[in-house]
């Protein structure tokens, strides 16, 4: 059952990408759904980057503090 869902998702995404490429290459502009999906993907990527940076911030902060106080970094 799970394998069928993965294949169905793969085929559906392939058709959506092919349709978007068709509009990009053979029409005058991208349709609204393609523009919104690109904007959403960029926003999700930015959010993921912020979350990863926020997760690493205490390590960066302790490294800067250790450099400023000229003491060995904690392991």
N, C-alpha and C. Protein backbone atom coordinates (compact mmCIF):
# COMPACT_ATOMS: atom_id res chain seq x y z
N UNK A 1 0.82 -1.19 0.00
CA UNK A 1 0.00 0.00 0.00
C UNK A 1 0.87 1.26 0.00
N UNK A 2 1.94 1.25 0.81
CA UNK A 2 2.81 2.43 0.89
C UNK A 2 3.53 2.65 -0.43
N UNK A 3 3.98 1.56 -1.05
CA UNK A 3 4.70 1.70 -2.32
C UNK A 3 3.80 2.29 -3.39
N UNK A 4 2.53 1.93 -3.39
CA UNK A 4 1.60 2.50 -4.37
C UNK A 4 1.46 4.00 -4.17
N UNK A 5 1.41 4.43 -2.92
CA UNK A 5 1.28 5.87 -2.64
C UNK A 5 2.52 6.63 -3.08
N UNK A 6 3.70 6.04 -2.87
CA UNK A 6 4.94 6.70 -3.28
C UNK A 6 4.97 6.85 -4.79
N UNK A 7 4.59 5.80 -5.51
CA UNK A 7 4.57 5.88 -6.98
C UNK A 7 3.53 6.88 -7.46
N UNK A 8 2.38 6.91 -6.82
CA UNK A 8 1.35 7.87 -7.21
C UNK A 8 1.83 9.30 -6.99
N UNK A 9 2.49 9.55 -5.87
CA UNK A 9 3.03 10.87 -5.59
C UNK A 9 4.11 11.24 -6.61
N UNK A 10 4.97 10.29 -6.95
CA UNK A 10 6.03 10.55 -7.92
C UNK A 10 5.46 10.89 -9.28
N UNK A 11 4.47 10.16 -9.71
CA UNK A 11 3.86 10.43 -11.02
C UNK A 11 3.14 11.77 -11.01
N UNK A 12 2.42 12.08 -9.93
CA UNK A 12 1.70 13.35 -9.85
C UNK A 12 2.66 14.54 -9.87
N UNK A 13 3.74 14.44 -9.10
CA UNK A 13 4.72 15.54 -9.08
C UNK A 13 5.38 15.68 -10.44
N UNK A 14 5.65 14.58 -11.10
CA UNK A 14 6.25 14.63 -12.44
C UNK A 14 5.35 15.36 -13.43
N UNK A 15 4.05 15.06 -13.39
CA UNK A 15 3.12 15.75 -14.29
C UNK A 15 3.01 17.23 -13.96
N UNK A 16 3.03 17.59 -12.72
CA UNK A 16 2.95 19.01 -12.35
C UNK A 16 4.21 19.74 -12.82
N UNK A 17 5.37 19.12 -12.62
CA UNK A 17 6.62 19.74 -13.07
C UNK A 17 6.64 19.85 -14.59
N UNK A 18 6.20 18.80 -15.29
CA UNK A 18 6.16 18.84 -16.75
C UNK A 18 5.22 19.93 -17.25
N UNK A 19 4.08 20.09 -16.58
CA UNK A 19 3.14 21.14 -16.96
C UNK A 19 3.74 22.52 -16.73
N UNK A 20 4.40 22.70 -15.60
CA UNK A 20 5.06 23.98 -15.34
C UNK A 20 6.16 24.28 -16.34
N UNK A 21 6.94 23.27 -16.70
CA UNK A 21 7.98 23.47 -17.72
C UNK A 21 7.37 23.81 -19.08
N UNK A 22 6.26 23.18 -19.40
CA UNK A 22 5.58 23.49 -20.67
C UNK A 22 5.16 24.97 -20.70
N UNK A 23 4.56 25.44 -19.62
CA UNK A 23 4.17 26.84 -19.56
C UNK A 23 5.38 27.76 -19.61
N UNK A 24 6.46 27.35 -18.96
CA UNK A 24 7.66 28.19 -18.92
C UNK A 24 8.31 28.30 -20.29
N UNK A 25 8.35 27.19 -21.03
CA UNK A 25 9.07 27.17 -22.30
C UNK A 25 8.21 27.58 -23.50
N UNK A 26 6.91 27.27 -23.48
CA UNK A 26 6.10 27.46 -24.68
C UNK A 26 5.01 28.52 -24.54
N UNK A 27 4.81 29.06 -23.39
CA UNK A 27 3.80 30.10 -23.20
C UNK A 27 4.50 31.41 -22.82
N UNK A 28 3.74 32.47 -22.69
CA UNK A 28 4.33 33.77 -22.39
C UNK A 28 4.76 33.94 -20.95
N UNK A 29 4.12 33.26 -20.04
CA UNK A 29 4.49 33.39 -18.63
C UNK A 29 4.00 32.21 -17.84
N UNK A 30 4.39 32.17 -16.61
CA UNK A 30 3.96 31.08 -15.74
C UNK A 30 2.53 31.33 -15.26
N UNK A 31 1.76 30.26 -15.11
CA UNK A 31 0.42 30.45 -14.54
C UNK A 31 0.51 30.79 -13.05
N UNK A 32 -0.59 31.23 -12.51
CA UNK A 32 -0.63 31.66 -11.12
C UNK A 32 -0.24 30.55 -10.17
N UNK A 33 -0.71 29.32 -10.43
CA UNK A 33 -0.41 28.21 -9.52
C UNK A 33 1.08 27.91 -9.48
N UNK A 34 1.75 28.06 -10.62
CA UNK A 34 3.20 27.79 -10.63
C UNK A 34 3.96 28.90 -9.90
N UNK A 35 3.53 30.13 -10.09
CA UNK A 35 4.17 31.25 -9.40
C UNK A 35 3.99 31.12 -7.88
N UNK A 36 2.77 30.78 -7.46
CA UNK A 36 2.52 30.62 -6.03
C UNK A 36 3.29 29.44 -5.45
N UNK A 37 3.41 28.36 -6.21
CA UNK A 37 4.16 27.21 -5.69
C UNK A 37 5.64 27.52 -5.57
N UNK A 38 6.19 28.29 -6.50
CA UNK A 38 7.59 28.69 -6.39
C UNK A 38 7.81 29.62 -5.19
N UNK A 39 6.89 30.55 -5.00
CA UNK A 39 6.99 31.45 -3.85
C UNK A 39 6.87 30.68 -2.54
N UNK A 40 5.96 29.72 -2.49
CA UNK A 40 5.81 28.90 -1.28
C UNK A 40 7.03 28.06 -1.00
N UNK A 41 7.63 27.51 -2.06
CA UNK A 41 8.85 26.72 -1.88
C UNK A 41 9.99 27.59 -1.36
N UNK A 42 10.11 28.79 -1.89
CA UNK A 42 11.15 29.70 -1.40
C UNK A 42 10.92 30.08 0.06
N UNK A 43 9.67 30.33 0.43
CA UNK A 43 9.37 30.66 1.82
C UNK A 43 9.65 29.49 2.76
N UNK A 44 9.32 28.28 2.32
CA UNK A 44 9.61 27.11 3.15
C UNK A 44 11.12 26.90 3.29
N UNK A 45 11.86 27.15 2.24
CA UNK A 45 13.32 27.04 2.32
C UNK A 45 13.91 28.08 3.27
N UNK A 46 13.37 29.30 3.21
CA UNK A 46 13.85 30.35 4.11
C UNK A 46 13.52 29.99 5.56
N UNK A 47 12.33 29.47 5.80
CA UNK A 47 11.95 29.07 7.16
C UNK A 47 12.82 27.94 7.68
N UNK A 48 13.13 26.99 6.80
CA UNK A 48 14.02 25.89 7.21
C UNK A 48 15.40 26.42 7.55
N UNK A 49 15.89 27.35 6.74
CA UNK A 49 17.19 27.95 7.02
C UNK A 49 17.21 28.69 8.35
N UNK A 50 16.14 29.41 8.64
CA UNK A 50 16.05 30.13 9.91
C UNK A 50 16.04 29.15 11.08
N UNK A 51 15.28 28.07 10.95
CA UNK A 51 15.22 27.08 12.03
C UNK A 51 16.56 26.39 12.25
N UNK A 52 17.27 26.08 11.17
CA UNK A 52 18.59 25.46 11.31
C UNK A 52 19.56 26.44 11.96
N UNK A 53 19.51 27.70 11.54
CA UNK A 53 20.37 28.71 12.15
C UNK A 53 20.05 28.93 13.62
N UNK A 54 18.78 28.90 13.93
CA UNK A 54 18.37 29.07 15.33
C UNK A 54 18.82 27.90 16.20
N UNK A 55 18.84 26.72 15.61
CA UNK A 55 19.29 25.53 16.33
C UNK A 55 20.80 25.58 16.58
N UNK A 56 21.54 26.17 15.66
CA UNK A 56 23.00 26.25 15.81
C UNK A 56 23.47 27.49 16.56
N UNK A 57 22.57 28.44 16.83
CA UNK A 57 22.96 29.71 17.44
C UNK A 57 23.68 29.56 18.77
N UNK A 58 23.26 28.69 19.71
CA UNK A 58 24.01 28.58 20.97
C UNK A 58 25.46 28.14 20.77
N UNK A 59 25.72 27.26 19.81
CA UNK A 59 27.10 26.85 19.52
C UNK A 59 27.92 28.02 18.96
N UNK A 60 27.32 28.77 18.06
CA UNK A 60 28.01 29.93 17.49
C UNK A 60 28.27 30.97 18.56
N UNK A 61 27.29 31.20 19.42
CA UNK A 61 27.43 32.19 20.48
C UNK A 61 28.53 31.80 21.47
N UNK A 62 28.59 30.52 21.84
CA UNK A 62 29.64 30.09 22.78
C UNK A 62 31.02 30.15 22.13
N UNK A 63 31.12 29.87 20.84
CA UNK A 63 32.41 29.98 20.15
C UNK A 63 32.88 31.43 20.10
N UNK A 64 31.97 32.35 19.82
CA UNK A 64 32.34 33.77 19.78
C UNK A 64 32.72 34.26 21.18
N UNK A 65 31.98 33.84 22.19
CA UNK A 65 32.29 34.24 23.56
C UNK A 65 33.65 33.68 24.00
N UNK A 66 33.95 32.43 23.62
CA UNK A 66 35.25 31.84 23.96
C UNK A 66 36.38 32.59 23.25
N UNK A 67 36.14 32.97 21.99
CA UNK A 67 37.17 33.73 21.27
C UNK A 67 37.36 35.10 21.92
N UNK A 68 36.28 35.74 22.31
CA UNK A 68 36.36 37.07 22.90
C UNK A 68 37.08 37.04 24.24
N UNK A 69 36.83 36.04 25.03
CA UNK A 69 37.46 35.92 26.34
C UNK A 69 38.78 35.16 26.30
N UNK A 70 39.19 34.71 25.11
CA UNK A 70 40.44 33.99 24.89
C UNK A 70 40.58 32.79 25.81
N UNK A 71 39.56 31.96 25.83
CA UNK A 71 39.61 30.72 26.60
C UNK A 71 39.26 29.57 25.66
N UNK A 72 39.62 28.35 26.03
CA UNK A 72 39.33 27.22 25.14
C UNK A 72 37.82 27.03 24.98
N UNK A 73 37.44 26.58 23.78
CA UNK A 73 36.03 26.35 23.52
C UNK A 73 35.55 25.11 24.25
N UNK A 74 34.31 25.14 24.75
CA UNK A 74 33.78 23.92 25.36
C UNK A 74 33.54 22.86 24.30
N UNK A 75 33.74 21.63 24.67
CA UNK A 75 33.61 20.52 23.71
C UNK A 75 32.20 20.14 23.45
